Amino acid sequence: MKPLVFLLVAIFSIGAAHAQPSSWQGEFPLTDWQTRSVEFDEIMSGGPPRDGIPSIDTPVFRPVAEIDDLGADEPVLSVAINGDARAYPLRIMTWHEIVNDTVGGMPVAVTYCPLCNSGIVFDRTVDGTVLDFGTTGRLRNSDLVMYDRQTETWWQQFLGEGIIGAQTGVRLDMVPARLESWRLFAERHPDGQVLVPNQATGRAYGRNPYVAYDSSARPFLYRGDYDGPGGPLSRVVAVGDQAWLLSTLRDAGAIEAGDLVLTWTPGQNSALDTSRINQGRDVGNVVVQRRLADGGLEDVAYDVPFAFAFAAFHPNATIRDSVD
């Protein structure tokens, strides 16, 4: 482990033992603790308290043409709705994990869990109510547990599902988004907007606090085992409960599965490799689309998480390691 990772372990290991609900009630007085779909001992502290990793609730953007501090291959989460295209650099998402935003008139939660490399955008409207999300400071299967500020329900980021509280069992709708390089986003959306820090200081934007994490032997703060193809920290391309090893897609260049078309192209830095994100090794760009009846293609919601996380949340699914 590099020194920066040792520091992170020291910070996030505080209170990592199983917490009991009584110790959470002061932080979350509105949560309905009697309604839940998971056992309390499945959840552990990641170290920070509620909102210790602060969500961005009043995001600030600048036009693509004004951005000069992103490396060409730096990763961004991007979403385009009704002609409104926005990019959320992982150099910022790594330190905040959630952005509550409205894109093209749709209230969305842009989320990224570094420990699972899970970047997902959700529609944050549930039964006509717009929810605002924050971080609980807790993890389940090493994945971010979010909460909404309206009901204080706890939500699993990987699935977008309520797991403790009044909204237990509710699934947020995933919004098609891409994890792509800054260069590709700027080429596709030259008139797009790019998230910038609300404050230029206070966070080491551009630095990776999880140095060499994606080449580690085991995931951080994860109790389970992984016996699927590749290693536990191998990346996979996940579409619902289907998944392919990223290395398989990389070698093939493209995979067609039913009406899904998966493609890989080089030129995206890993955000979880070197201390500077813009120097991370090339893990490539993934696009997942659905072939329409007229022969056209449309983007579908997908993710590029680590294999252990996909297996933990989809224990009955198979991670494919071939194009067959």
C-alpha atoms as a PDB file:
ATOM      1  CA  MET A   1       0.000   0.000   0.000  1.00  0.00           C
ATOM      2  CA  LYS A   2       1.113   3.531  -0.735  1.00  0.00           C
ATOM      3  CA  PRO A   3       1.261   6.090   2.144  1.00  0.00           C
ATOM      4  CA  LEU A   4      -1.912   7.838   1.018  1.00  0.00           C
ATOM      5  CA  VAL A   5      -3.815   4.571   1.263  1.00  0.00           C
ATOM      6  CA  PHE A   6      -2.479   3.972   4.769  1.00  0.00           C
ATOM      7  CA  LEU A   7      -3.863   7.369   5.735  1.00  0.00           C
ATOM      8  CA  LEU A   8      -7.237   6.479   4.230  1.00  0.00           C
ATOM      9  CA  VAL A   9      -7.320   3.157   6.068  1.00  0.00           C
ATOM     10  CA  ALA A  10      -6.596   4.944   9.323  1.00  0.00           C
ATOM     11  CA  ILE A  11      -9.420   7.405   8.712  1.00  0.00           C
ATOM     12  CA  PHE A  12     -12.045   4.944   7.447  1.00  0.00           C
ATOM     13  CA  SER A  13     -11.312   2.140   9.903  1.00  0.00           C
ATOM     14  CA  ILE A  14     -12.533   4.191  12.857  1.00  0.00           C
ATOM     15  CA  GLY A  15     -15.649   2.517  14.180  1.00  0.00           C
ATOM     16  CA  ALA A  16     -15.598  -0.148  11.469  1.00  0.00           C
ATOM     17  CA  ALA A  17     -16.935  -2.778  13.832  1.00  0.00           C
ATOM     18  CA  HIS A  18     -20.605  -3.724  13.594  1.00  0.00           C
ATOM     19  CA  ALA A  19     -22.676  -0.779  14.749  1.00  0.00           C
ATOM     20  CA  GLN A  20     -26.007  -1.222  16.465  1.00  0.00           C
ATOM     21  CA  PRO A  21     -29.054   0.821  15.456  1.00  0.00           C
ATOM     22  CA  SER A  22     -29.093   2.584  18.833  1.00  0.00           C
ATOM     23  CA  SER A  23     -25.819   4.258  17.901  1.00  0.00           C
ATOM     24  CA  TRP A  24     -27.307   5.500  14.623  1.00  0.00           C
ATOM     25  CA  GLN A  25     -30.564   6.916  15.918  1.00  0.00           C
ATOM     26  CA  GLY A  26     -29.087  10.197  17.073  1.00  0.00           C
ATOM     27  CA  GLU A  27     -27.779  10.857  13.566  1.00  0.00           C
ATOM     28  CA  PHE A  28     -30.966   9.691  11.834  1.00  0.00           C
ATOM     29  CA  PRO A  29     -33.931  10.487  14.095  1.00  0.00           C
ATOM     30  CA  LEU A  30     -36.485  10.241  11.254  1.00  0.00           C
ATOM     31  CA  THR A  31     -35.505   6.766  10.038  1.00  0.00           C
ATOM     32  CA  ASP A  32     -38.102   4.029  10.459  1.00  0.00           C
ATOM     33  CA  TRP A  33     -35.809   1.371  11.917  1.00  0.00           C
ATOM     34  CA  GLN A  34     -38.576  -1.245  12.055  1.00  0.00           C
ATOM     35  CA  THR A  35     -38.883  -1.377   8.265  1.00  0.00           C
ATOM     36  CA  ARG A  36     -35.898  -2.921   6.553  1.00  0.00           C
ATOM     37  CA  SER A  37     -34.819  -5.571   4.053  1.00  0.00           C
ATOM     38  CA  VAL A  38     -31.298  -6.251   5.369  1.00  0.00           C
ATOM     39  CA  GLU A  39     -29.753  -7.300   8.650  1.00  0.00           C
ATOM     40  CA  PHE A  40     -28.151  -4.508  10.637  1.00  0.00           C
ATOM     41  CA  ASP A  41     -24.896  -6.419  10.972  1.00  0.00           C
ATOM     42  CA  GLU A  42     -24.461  -6.350   7.193  1.00  0.00           C
ATOM     43  CA  ILE A  43     -23.701  -2.649   7.519  1.00  0.00           C
ATOM     44  CA  MET A  44     -20.418  -1.271   8.810  1.00  0.00           C
ATOM     45  CA  SER A  45     -19.038   2.183   9.386  1.00  0.00           C
ATOM     46  CA  GLY A  46     -16.742   3.586   6.767  1.00  0.00           C
ATOM     47  CA  GLY A  47     -15.372   6.050   9.318  1.00  0.00           C
ATOM     48  CA  PRO A  48     -17.006   9.421   8.526  1.00  0.00           C
ATOM     49  CA  PRO A  49     -20.359  10.250  10.162  1.00  0.00           C
ATOM     50  CA  ARG A  50     -23.524  11.327   8.375  1.00  0.00           C
ATOM     51  CA  ASP A  51     -22.522  13.790   5.626  1.00  0.00           C
ATOM     52  CA  GLY A  52     -18.873  13.445   6.616  1.00  0.00           C
ATOM     53  CA  ILE A  53     -18.355  12.949   2.888  1.00  0.00           C
ATOM     54  CA  PRO A  54     -20.458  15.936   1.798  1.00  0.00           C
ATOM     55  CA  SER A  55     -22.775  15.659  -1.169  1.00  0.00           C
ATOM     56  CA  ILE A  56     -22.861  18.550  -3.620  1.00  0.00           C
ATOM     57  CA  ASP A  57     -26.315  20.121  -3.424  1.00  0.00           C
ATOM     58  CA  THR A  58     -25.732  23.370  -5.308  1.00  0.00           C
ATOM     59  CA  PRO A  59     -23.516  22.235  -8.188  1.00  0.00           C
ATOM     60  CA  VAL A  60     -21.545  24.802 -10.179  1.00  0.00           C
ATOM     61  CA  PHE A  61     -20.753  24.277 -13.856  1.00  0.00           C
ATOM     62  CA  ARG A  62     -18.591  25.840 -16.527  1.00  0.00           C
ATOM     63  CA  PRO A  63     -18.841  25.434 -20.305  1.00  0.00           C
ATOM     64  CA  VAL A  64     -16.655  22.835 -22.001  1.00  0.00           C
ATOM     65  CA  ALA A  65     -14.694  25.575 -23.767  1.00  0.00           C
ATOM     66  CA  GLU A  66     -13.601  27.073 -20.430  1.00  0.00           C
ATOM     67  CA  ILE A  67     -12.204  23.873 -18.918  1.00  0.00           C
ATOM     68  CA  ASP A  68      -8.399  23.682 -18.983  1.00  0.00           C
ATOM     69  CA  ASP A  69      -7.483  21.573 -15.950  1.00  0.00           C
ATOM     70  CA  LEU A  70      -8.688  18.119 -17.013  1.00  0.00           C
ATOM     71  CA  GLY A  71      -6.426  15.594 -18.699  1.00  0.00           C
ATOM     72  CA  ALA A  72      -7.709  14.351 -22.055  1.00  0.00           C
ATOM     73  CA  ASP A  73      -8.167  10.819 -20.721  1.00  0.00           C
ATOM     74  CA  GLU A  74      -9.485  11.741 -17.273  1.00  0.00           C
ATOM     75  CA  PRO A  75     -12.732   9.932 -16.428  1.00  0.00           C
ATOM     76  CA  VAL A  76     -16.045  11.749 -16.154  1.00  0.00           C
ATOM     77  CA  LEU A  77     -19.562  10.531 -15.517  1.00  0.00           C
ATOM     78  CA  SER A  78     -21.732  12.113 -18.172  1.00  0.00           C
ATOM     79  CA  VAL A  79     -25.461  12.417 -18.651  1.00  0.00           C
ATOM     80  CA  ALA A  80     -27.498  14.084 -21.394  1.00  0.00           C
ATOM     81  CA  ILE A  81     -31.241  14.726 -21.023  1.00  0.00           C
ATOM     82  CA  ASN A  82     -33.384  16.817 -23.350  1.00  0.00           C
ATOM     83  CA  GLY A  83     -30.339  18.438 -24.915  1.00  0.00           C
ATOM     84  CA  ASP A  84     -28.735  19.277 -21.567  1.00  0.00           C
ATOM     85  CA  ALA A  85     -25.353  17.498 -21.414  1.00  0.00           C
ATOM     86  CA  ARG A  86     -23.269  17.559 -18.235  1.00  0.00           C
ATOM     87  CA  ALA A  87     -20.001  15.960 -17.153  1.00  0.00           C
ATOM     88  CA  TYR A  88     -19.073  15.146 -13.553  1.00  0.00           C
ATOM     89  CA  PRO A  89     -15.307  14.535 -13.288  1.00  0.00           C
ATOM     90  CA  LEU A  90     -14.293  11.663 -11.018  1.00  0.00           C
ATOM     91  CA  ARG A  91     -11.597  13.973  -9.607  1.00  0.00           C
ATOM     92  CA  ILE A  92     -14.550  15.686  -7.873  1.00  0.00           C
ATOM     93  CA  MET A  93     -16.935  12.747  -7.450  1.00  0.00           C
ATOM     94  CA  THR A  94     -14.293  10.769  -5.541  1.00  0.00           C
ATOM     95  CA  TRP A  95     -14.396  13.365  -2.744  1.00  0.00           C
ATOM     96  CA  HIS A  96     -18.177  13.949  -2.665  1.00  0.00           C
ATOM     97  CA  GLU A  97     -19.762  10.741  -4.023  1.00  0.00           C
ATOM     98  CA  ILE A  98     -23.202  12.332  -4.623  1.00  0.00           C
ATOM     99  CA  VAL A  99     -24.350  15.331  -6.653  1.00  0.00           C
ATOM    100  CA  ASN A 100     -27.997  16.357  -6.385  1.00  0.00           C
ATOM    101  CA  ASP A 101     -28.741  18.068  -9.678  1.00  0.00           C
ATOM    102  CA  THR A 102     -31.434  18.750 -12.276  1.00  0.00           C
ATOM    103  CA  VAL A 103     -30.541  17.903 -15.876  1.00  0.00           C
ATOM    104  CA  GLY A 104     -32.853  18.701 -18.750  1.00  0.00           C
ATOM    105  CA  GLY A 105     -35.652  19.251 -16.263  1.00  0.00           C
ATOM    106  CA  MET A 106     -35.133  15.873 -14.519  1.00  0.00           C
ATOM    107  CA  PRO A 107     -33.994  15.846 -10.880  1.00  0.00           C
ATOM    108  CA  VAL A 108     -31.111  13.371 -10.739  1.00  0.00           C
ATOM    109  CA  ALA A 109     -28.629  12.000  -8.223  1.00  0.00           C
ATOM    110  CA  VAL A 110     -25.207  11.478  -9.771  1.00  0.00           C
ATOM    111  CA  THR A 111     -23.405   8.939  -7.592  1.00  0.00           C
ATOM    112  CA  TYR A 112     -19.968   7.351  -7.441  1.00  0.00           C
ATOM    113  CA  CYS A 113     -18.669   4.827  -4.916  1.00  0.00           C
ATOM    114  CA  PRO A 114     -14.861   4.591  -5.256  1.00  0.00           C
ATOM    115  CA  LEU A 115     -14.600   1.367  -3.250  1.00  0.00           C
ATOM    116  CA  CYS A 116     -16.811  -0.412  -5.808  1.00  0.00           C
ATOM    117  CA  ASN A 117     -15.971   1.826  -8.790  1.00  0.00           C
ATOM    118  CA  SER A 118     -19.720   2.107  -9.199  1.00  0.00           C
ATOM    119  CA  GLY A 119     -20.893   5.234 -11.029  1.00  0.00           C
ATOM    120  CA  ILE A 120     -24.669   5.458 -11.465  1.00  0.00           C
ATOM    121  CA  VAL A 121     -27.140   8.251 -12.180  1.00  0.00           C
ATOM    122  CA  PHE A 122     -30.641   7.972 -10.700  1.00  0.00           C
ATOM    123  CA  ASP A 123     -33.915   9.792 -11.198  1.00  0.00           C
ATOM    124  CA  ARG A 124     -34.465  11.141  -7.682  1.00  0.00           C
ATOM    125  CA  THR A 125     -38.226  11.544  -7.973  1.00  0.00           C
ATOM    126  CA  VAL A 126     -40.223   8.902  -6.067  1.00  0.00           C
ATOM    127  CA  ASP A 127     -44.045   8.977  -6.154  1.00  0.00           C
ATOM    128  CA  GLY A 128     -43.998  12.626  -7.142  1.00  0.00           C
ATOM    129  CA  THR A 129     -41.575  13.694  -4.399  1.00  0.00           C
ATOM    130  CA  VAL A 130     -38.086  14.882  -5.259  1.00  0.00           C
ATOM    131  CA  LEU A 131     -35.572  13.376  -2.845  1.00  0.00           C
ATOM    132  CA  ASP A 132     -32.238  14.886  -1.850  1.00  0.00           C
ATOM    133  CA  PHE A 133     -29.479  12.394  -1.092  1.00  0.00           C
ATOM    134  CA  GLY A 134     -26.535  12.420   1.264  1.00  0.00           C
ATOM    135  CA  THR A 135     -23.969   9.932   2.572  1.00  0.00           C
ATOM    136  CA  THR A 136     -24.685   7.944   5.740  1.00  0.00           C
ATOM    137  CA  GLY A 137     -21.006   7.210   6.395  1.00  0.00           C
ATOM    138  CA  ARG A 138     -21.864   3.501   6.250  1.00  0.00           C
ATOM    139  CA  LEU A 139     -21.072   0.717   3.814  1.00  0.00           C
ATOM    140  CA  ARG A 140     -22.653  -2.569   2.853  1.00  0.00           C
ATOM    141  CA  ASN A 141     -20.551  -4.960   0.774  1.00  0.00           C
ATOM    142  CA  SER A 142     -18.055  -2.082   0.637  1.00  0.00           C
ATOM    143  CA  ASP A 143     -20.665  -0.015  -1.224  1.00  0.00           C
ATOM    144  CA  LEU A 144     -21.927   3.442  -0.338  1.00  0.00           C
ATOM    145  CA  VAL A 145     -25.139   3.547   1.693  1.00  0.00           C
ATOM    146  CA  MET A 146     -26.964   6.785   0.892  1.00  0.00           C
ATOM    147  CA  TYR A 147     -29.917   8.355   2.680  1.00  0.00           C
ATOM    148  CA  ASP A 148     -32.614  10.758   1.571  1.00  0.00           C
ATOM    149  CA  ARG A 149     -33.211  13.897   3.584  1.00  0.00           C
ATOM    150  CA  GLN A 150     -36.994  13.725   3.266  1.00  0.00           C
ATOM    151  CA  THR A 151     -37.639  10.350   4.994  1.00  0.00           C
ATOM    152  CA  GLU A 152     -34.096   9.414   6.112  1.00  0.00           C
ATOM    153  CA  THR A 153     -34.485   6.071   4.370  1.00  0.00           C
ATOM    154  CA  TRP A 154     -31.139   4.361   3.765  1.00  0.00           C
ATOM    155  CA  TRP A 155     -30.468   3.419   0.141  1.00  0.00           C
ATOM    156  CA  GLN A 156     -27.961   1.021  -1.414  1.00  0.00           C
ATOM    157  CA  GLN A 157     -26.089   2.944  -4.076  1.00  0.00           C
ATOM    158  CA  PHE A 158     -25.188  -0.111  -6.159  1.00  0.00           C
ATOM    159  CA  LEU A 159     -28.849  -1.044  -6.638  1.00  0.00           C
ATOM    160  CA  GLY A 160     -30.592   2.269  -6.012  1.00  0.00           C
ATOM    161  CA  GLU A 161     -32.794   0.425  -3.532  1.00  0.00           C
ATOM    162  CA  GLY A 162     -34.168   1.474  -0.166  1.00  0.00           C
ATOM    163  CA  ILE A 163     -32.915  -0.967   2.477  1.00  0.00           C
ATOM    164  CA  ILE A 164     -33.842   0.632   5.833  1.00  0.00           C
ATOM    165  CA  GLY A 165     -36.725   3.018   6.458  1.00  0.00           C
ATOM    166  CA  ALA A 166     -40.036   4.043   4.951  1.00  0.00           C
ATOM    167  CA  GLN A 167     -38.868   3.582   1.342  1.00  0.00           C
ATOM    168  CA  THR A 168     -37.530   0.056   1.890  1.00  0.00           C
ATOM    169  CA  GLY A 169     -37.920  -2.012  -1.276  1.00  0.00           C
ATOM    170  CA  VAL A 170     -38.358   1.014  -3.534  1.00  0.00           C
ATOM    171  CA  ARG A 171     -36.004   1.112  -6.514  1.00  0.00           C
ATOM    172  CA  LEU A 172     -34.814   4.366  -8.019  1.00  0.00           C
ATOM    173  CA  ASP A 173     -34.883   4.472 -11.806  1.00  0.00           C
ATOM    174  CA  MET A 174     -31.426   4.419 -13.358  1.00  0.00           C
ATOM    175  CA  VAL A 175     -30.743   7.071 -15.970  1.00  0.00           C
ATOM    176  CA  PRO A 176     -28.527   6.198 -18.972  1.00  0.00           C
ATOM    177  CA  ALA A 177     -25.098   7.731 -18.397  1.00  0.00           C
ATOM    178  CA  ARG A 178     -21.572   7.116 -19.597  1.00  0.00           C
ATOM    179  CA  LEU A 179     -18.281   6.699 -17.786  1.00  0.00           C
ATOM    180  CA  GLU A 180     -15.989   8.164 -20.413  1.00  0.00           C
ATOM    181  CA  SER A 181     -12.900  10.257 -20.929  1.00  0.00           C
ATOM    182  CA  TRP A 182     -13.027  14.038 -20.789  1.00  0.00           C
ATOM    183  CA  ARG A 183     -11.903  14.117 -24.425  1.00  0.00           C
ATOM    184  CA  LEU A 184     -14.808  11.974 -25.621  1.00  0.00           C
ATOM    185  CA  PHE A 185     -17.372  14.009 -23.693  1.00  0.00           C
ATOM    186  CA  ALA A 186     -15.993  17.303 -25.054  1.00  0.00           C
ATOM    187  CA  GLU A 187     -16.059  15.940 -28.605  1.00  0.00           C
ATOM    188  CA  ARG A 188     -19.653  14.706 -28.287  1.00  0.00           C
ATOM    189  CA  HIS A 189     -20.943  17.741 -26.419  1.00  0.00           C
ATOM    190  CA  PRO A 190     -18.866  20.844 -27.258  1.00  0.00           C
ATOM    191  CA  ASP A 191     -21.655  22.987 -25.813  1.00  0.00           C
ATOM    192  CA  GLY A 192     -21.932  20.874 -22.654  1.00  0.00           C
ATOM    193  CA  GLN A 193     -21.415  21.885 -19.031  1.00  0.00           C
ATOM    194  CA  VAL A 194     -18.785  20.535 -16.633  1.00  0.00           C
ATOM    195  CA  LEU A 195     -18.983  20.311 -12.845  1.00  0.00           C
ATOM    196  CA  VAL A 196     -16.329  22.382 -11.094  1.00  0.00           C
ATOM    197  CA  PRO A 197     -15.554  22.628  -7.353  1.00  0.00           C
ATOM    198  CA  ASN A 198     -17.772  24.960  -5.345  1.00  0.00           C
ATOM    199  CA  GLN A 199     -14.603  25.893  -3.505  1.00  0.00           C
ATOM    200  CA  ALA A 200     -11.177  25.514  -5.062  1.00  0.00           C
ATOM    201  CA  THR A 201      -9.600  24.575  -1.740  1.00  0.00           C
ATOM    202  CA  GLY A 202     -10.441  22.066   0.979  1.00  0.00           C
ATOM    203  CA  ARG A 203     -10.266  18.929  -1.166  1.00  0.00           C
ATOM    204  CA  ALA A 204      -7.325  17.482  -3.082  1.00  0.00           C
ATOM    205  CA  TYR A 205      -9.196  17.483  -6.375  1.00  0.00           C
ATOM    206  CA  GLY A 206      -7.283  15.564  -9.009  1.00  0.00           C
ATOM    207  CA  ARG A 207      -5.611  13.301  -6.460  1.00  0.00           C
ATOM    208  CA  ASN A 208      -6.641   9.724  -5.865  1.00  0.00           C
ATOM    209  CA  PRO A 209      -6.878   8.915  -2.131  1.00  0.00           C
ATOM    210  CA  TYR A 210      -7.081   5.194  -2.957  1.00  0.00           C
ATOM    211  CA  VAL A 211      -3.634   4.740  -4.514  1.00  0.00           C
ATOM    212  CA  ALA A 212      -3.201   1.324  -6.181  1.00  0.00           C
ATOM    213  CA  TYR A 213      -6.614   0.226  -4.903  1.00  0.00           C
ATOM    214  CA  ASP A 214      -7.713  -1.386  -8.173  1.00  0.00           C
ATOM    215  CA  SER A 215      -4.642  -3.606  -8.203  1.00  0.00           C
ATOM    216  CA  SER A 216      -5.052  -4.725  -4.582  1.00  0.00           C
ATOM    217  CA  ALA A 217      -5.571  -8.373  -3.704  1.00  0.00           C
ATOM    218  CA  ARG A 218      -8.736  -7.693  -1.711  1.00  0.00           C
ATOM    219  CA  PRO A 219     -11.390  -4.984  -1.545  1.00  0.00           C
ATOM    220  CA  PHE A 220     -11.417  -2.572   1.370  1.00  0.00           C
ATOM    221  CA  LEU A 221     -13.953  -3.054   4.201  1.00  0.00           C
ATOM    222  CA  TYR A 222     -15.480  -6.118   2.565  1.00  0.00           C
ATOM    223  CA  ARG A 223     -16.186  -9.312   4.508  1.00  0.00           C
ATOM    224  CA  GLY A 224     -17.210 -11.582   1.653  1.00  0.00           C
ATOM    225  CA  ASP A 225     -15.306 -13.836  -0.707  1.00  0.00           C
ATOM    226  CA  TYR A 226     -15.146 -13.811  -4.494  1.00  0.00           C
ATOM    227  CA  ASP A 227     -14.697 -16.943  -6.590  1.00  0.00           C
ATOM    228  CA  GLY A 228     -15.763 -15.733 -10.029  1.00  0.00           C
ATOM    229  CA  PRO A 229     -13.625 -15.117 -13.119  1.00  0.00           C
ATOM    230  CA  GLY A 230     -10.824 -12.593 -12.870  1.00  0.00           C
ATOM    231  CA  GLY A 231      -9.874 -11.167  -9.491  1.00  0.00           C
ATOM    232  CA  PRO A 232     -12.253  -9.483  -7.049  1.00  0.00           C
ATOM    233  CA  LEU A 233     -11.059  -6.054  -8.214  1.00  0.00           C
ATOM    234  CA  SER A 234     -11.381  -6.846 -11.896  1.00  0.00           C
ATOM    235  CA  ARG A 235     -13.720  -4.432 -13.633  1.00  0.00           C
ATOM    236  CA  VAL A 236     -16.910  -5.748 -15.174  1.00  0.00           C
ATOM    237  CA  VAL A 237     -19.493  -4.185 -17.464  1.00  0.00           C
ATOM    238  CA  ALA A 238     -22.844  -4.553 -15.713  1.00  0.00           C
ATOM    239  CA  VAL A 239     -26.259  -4.106 -17.310  1.00  0.00           C
ATOM    240  CA  GLY A 240     -28.875  -5.004 -14.731  1.00  0.00           C
ATOM    241  CA  ASP A 241     -28.068  -8.531 -13.597  1.00  0.00           C
ATOM    242  CA  GLN A 242     -25.869  -9.261 -16.604  1.00  0.00           C
ATOM    243  CA  ALA A 243     -22.111  -8.720 -16.538  1.00  0.00           C
ATOM    244  CA  TRP A 244     -19.031  -9.275 -18.672  1.00  0.00           C
ATOM    245  CA  LEU A 245     -15.388  -8.992 -17.623  1.00  0.00           C
ATOM    246  CA  LEU A 246     -14.067  -5.705 -18.941  1.00  0.00           C
ATOM    247  CA  SER A 247     -10.990  -7.548 -20.202  1.00  0.00           C
ATOM    248  CA  THR A 248     -13.231  -9.779 -22.334  1.00  0.00           C
ATOM    249  CA  LEU A 249     -14.902  -6.760 -23.920  1.00  0.00           C
ATOM    250  CA  ARG A 250     -11.524  -5.060 -24.371  1.00  0.00           C
ATOM    251  CA  ASP A 251     -10.118  -8.063 -26.216  1.00  0.00           C
ATOM    252  CA  ALA A 252     -13.215  -8.405 -28.402  1.00  0.00           C
ATOM    253  CA  GLY A 253     -13.724  -4.707 -29.040  1.00  0.00           C
ATOM    254  CA  ALA A 254     -17.475  -5.258 -29.242  1.00  0.00           C
ATOM    255  CA  ILE A 255     -19.986  -7.753 -27.892  1.00  0.00           C
ATOM    256  CA  GLU A 256     -23.597  -8.225 -28.971  1.00  0.00           C
ATOM    257  CA  ALA A 257     -25.967  -9.949 -26.534  1.00  0.00           C
ATOM    258  CA  GLY A 258     -29.583  -9.976 -27.638  1.00  0.00           C
ATOM    259  CA  ASP A 259     -30.400  -6.361 -28.445  1.00  0.00           C
ATOM    260  CA  LEU A 260     -27.466  -5.031 -26.392  1.00  0.00           C
ATOM    261  CA  VAL A 261     -24.322  -3.730 -28.105  1.00  0.00           C
ATOM    262  CA  LEU A 262     -21.256  -3.243 -25.885  1.00  0.00           C
ATOM    263  CA  THR A 263     -18.157  -1.500 -27.244  1.00  0.00           C
ATOM    264  CA  TRP A 264     -14.710  -0.678 -25.844  1.00  0.00           C
ATOM    265  CA  THR A 265     -12.189   1.894 -27.025  1.00  0.00           C
ATOM    266  CA  PRO A 266      -8.866   2.883 -25.411  1.00  0.00           C
ATOM    267  CA  GLY A 267      -8.143   6.185 -23.721  1.00  0.00           C
ATOM    268  CA  GLN A 268      -9.472   6.539 -20.172  1.00  0.00           C
ATOM    269  CA  ASN A 269      -7.404   6.792 -16.999  1.00  0.00           C
ATOM    270  CA  SER A 270      -8.197   4.599 -14.029  1.00  0.00           C
ATOM    271  CA  ALA A 271      -9.300   6.851 -11.165  1.00  0.00           C
ATOM    272  CA  LEU A 272      -8.053   4.294  -8.625  1.00  0.00           C
ATOM    273  CA  ASP A 273      -4.479   3.626  -9.733  1.00  0.00           C
ATOM    274  CA  THR A 274      -1.810   6.310  -9.367  1.00  0.00           C
ATOM    275  CA  SER A 275      -1.873   9.238  -6.945  1.00  0.00           C
ATOM    276  CA  ARG A 276      -2.767  11.609  -9.790  1.00  0.00           C
ATOM    277  CA  ILE A 277      -5.939  10.546 -11.582  1.00  0.00           C
ATOM    278  CA  ASN A 278      -4.746  11.955 -14.896  1.00  0.00           C
ATOM    279  CA  GLN A 279      -1.766   9.595 -14.770  1.00  0.00           C
ATOM    280  CA  GLY A 280      -3.728   6.397 -14.094  1.00  0.00           C
ATOM    281  CA  ARG A 281      -3.296   3.460 -16.427  1.00  0.00           C
ATOM    282  CA  ASP A 282      -5.580   3.124 -19.419  1.00  0.00           C
ATOM    283  CA  VAL A 283      -8.730   1.105 -18.670  1.00  0.00           C
ATOM    284  CA  GLY A 284     -10.607   2.278 -21.746  1.00  0.00           C
ATOM    285  CA  ASN A 285     -14.078   3.588 -22.481  1.00  0.00           C
ATOM    286  CA  VAL A 286     -17.244   1.496 -22.483  1.00  0.00           C
ATOM    287  CA  VAL A 287     -20.498   2.301 -24.244  1.00  0.00           C
ATOM    288  CA  VAL A 288     -23.607   0.127 -23.897  1.00  0.00           C
ATOM    289  CA  GLN A 289     -26.512   0.660 -26.264  1.00  0.00           C
ATOM    290  CA  ARG A 290     -29.688  -1.107 -27.313  1.00  0.00           C
ATOM    291  CA  ARG A 291     -30.401  -1.849 -30.961  1.00  0.00           C
ATOM    292  CA  LEU A 292     -33.802  -0.509 -31.968  1.00  0.00           C
ATOM    293  CA  ALA A 293     -36.254  -1.998 -34.438  1.00  0.00           C
ATOM    294  CA  ASP A 294     -35.275   0.580 -37.052  1.00  0.00           C
ATOM    295  CA  GLY A 295     -31.604  -0.352 -36.709  1.00  0.00           C
ATOM    296  CA  GLY A 296     -30.660   2.668 -34.632  1.00  0.00           C
ATOM    297  CA  LEU A 297     -28.993   2.588 -31.235  1.00  0.00           C
ATOM    298  CA  GLU A 298     -29.915   4.192 -27.919  1.00  0.00           C
ATOM    299  CA  ASP A 299     -27.892   4.411 -24.713  1.00  0.00           C
ATOM    300  CA  VAL A 300     -28.930   2.175 -21.836  1.00  0.00           C
ATOM    301  CA  ALA A 301     -28.028   2.389 -18.158  1.00  0.00           C
ATOM    302  CA  TYR A 302     -24.873   0.441 -17.306  1.00  0.00           C
ATOM    303  CA  ASP A 303     -22.043   0.460 -14.797  1.00  0.00           C
ATOM    304  CA  VAL A 304     -18.370  -0.576 -14.709  1.00  0.00           C
ATOM    305  CA  PRO A 305     -17.965  -1.798 -11.107  1.00  0.00           C
ATOM    306  CA  PHE A 306     -15.555  -4.264  -9.576  1.00  0.00           C
ATOM    307  CA  ALA A 307     -16.382  -7.939  -9.904  1.00  0.00           C
ATOM    308  CA  PHE A 308     -16.695  -8.549  -6.156  1.00  0.00           C
ATOM    309  CA  ALA A 309     -19.392  -5.877  -5.839  1.00  0.00           C
ATOM    310  CA  PHE A 310     -21.434  -7.167  -8.753  1.00  0.00           C
ATOM    311  CA  ALA A 311     -21.256 -10.700  -7.336  1.00  0.00           C
ATOM    312  CA  ALA A 312     -22.214  -9.500  -3.853  1.00  0.00           C
ATOM    313  CA  PHE A 313     -25.358  -7.756  -5.065  1.00  0.00           C
ATOM    314  CA  HIS A 314     -26.212 -10.297  -7.781  1.00  0.00           C
ATOM    315  CA  PRO A 315     -25.185 -13.584  -6.135  1.00  0.00           C
ATOM    316  CA  ASN A 316     -27.126 -15.734  -8.603  1.00  0.00           C
ATOM    317  CA  ALA A 317     -25.822 -14.026 -11.721  1.00  0.00           C
ATOM    318  CA  THR A 318     -22.896 -15.144 -13.858  1.00  0.00           C
ATOM    319  CA  ILE A 319     -20.006 -12.900 -14.872  1.00  0.00           C
ATOM    320  CA  ARG A 320     -19.191 -13.841 -18.438  1.00  0.00           C
ATOM    321  CA  ASP A 321     -15.575 -14.225 -19.429  1.00  0.00           C
ATOM    322  CA  SER A 322     -16.144 -15.034 -23.097  1.00  0.00           C
ATOM    323  CA  VAL A 323     -18.147 -13.595 -25.986  1.00  0.00           C
ATOM    324  CA  ASP A 324     -20.188 -16.802 -26.370  1.00  0.00           C
END
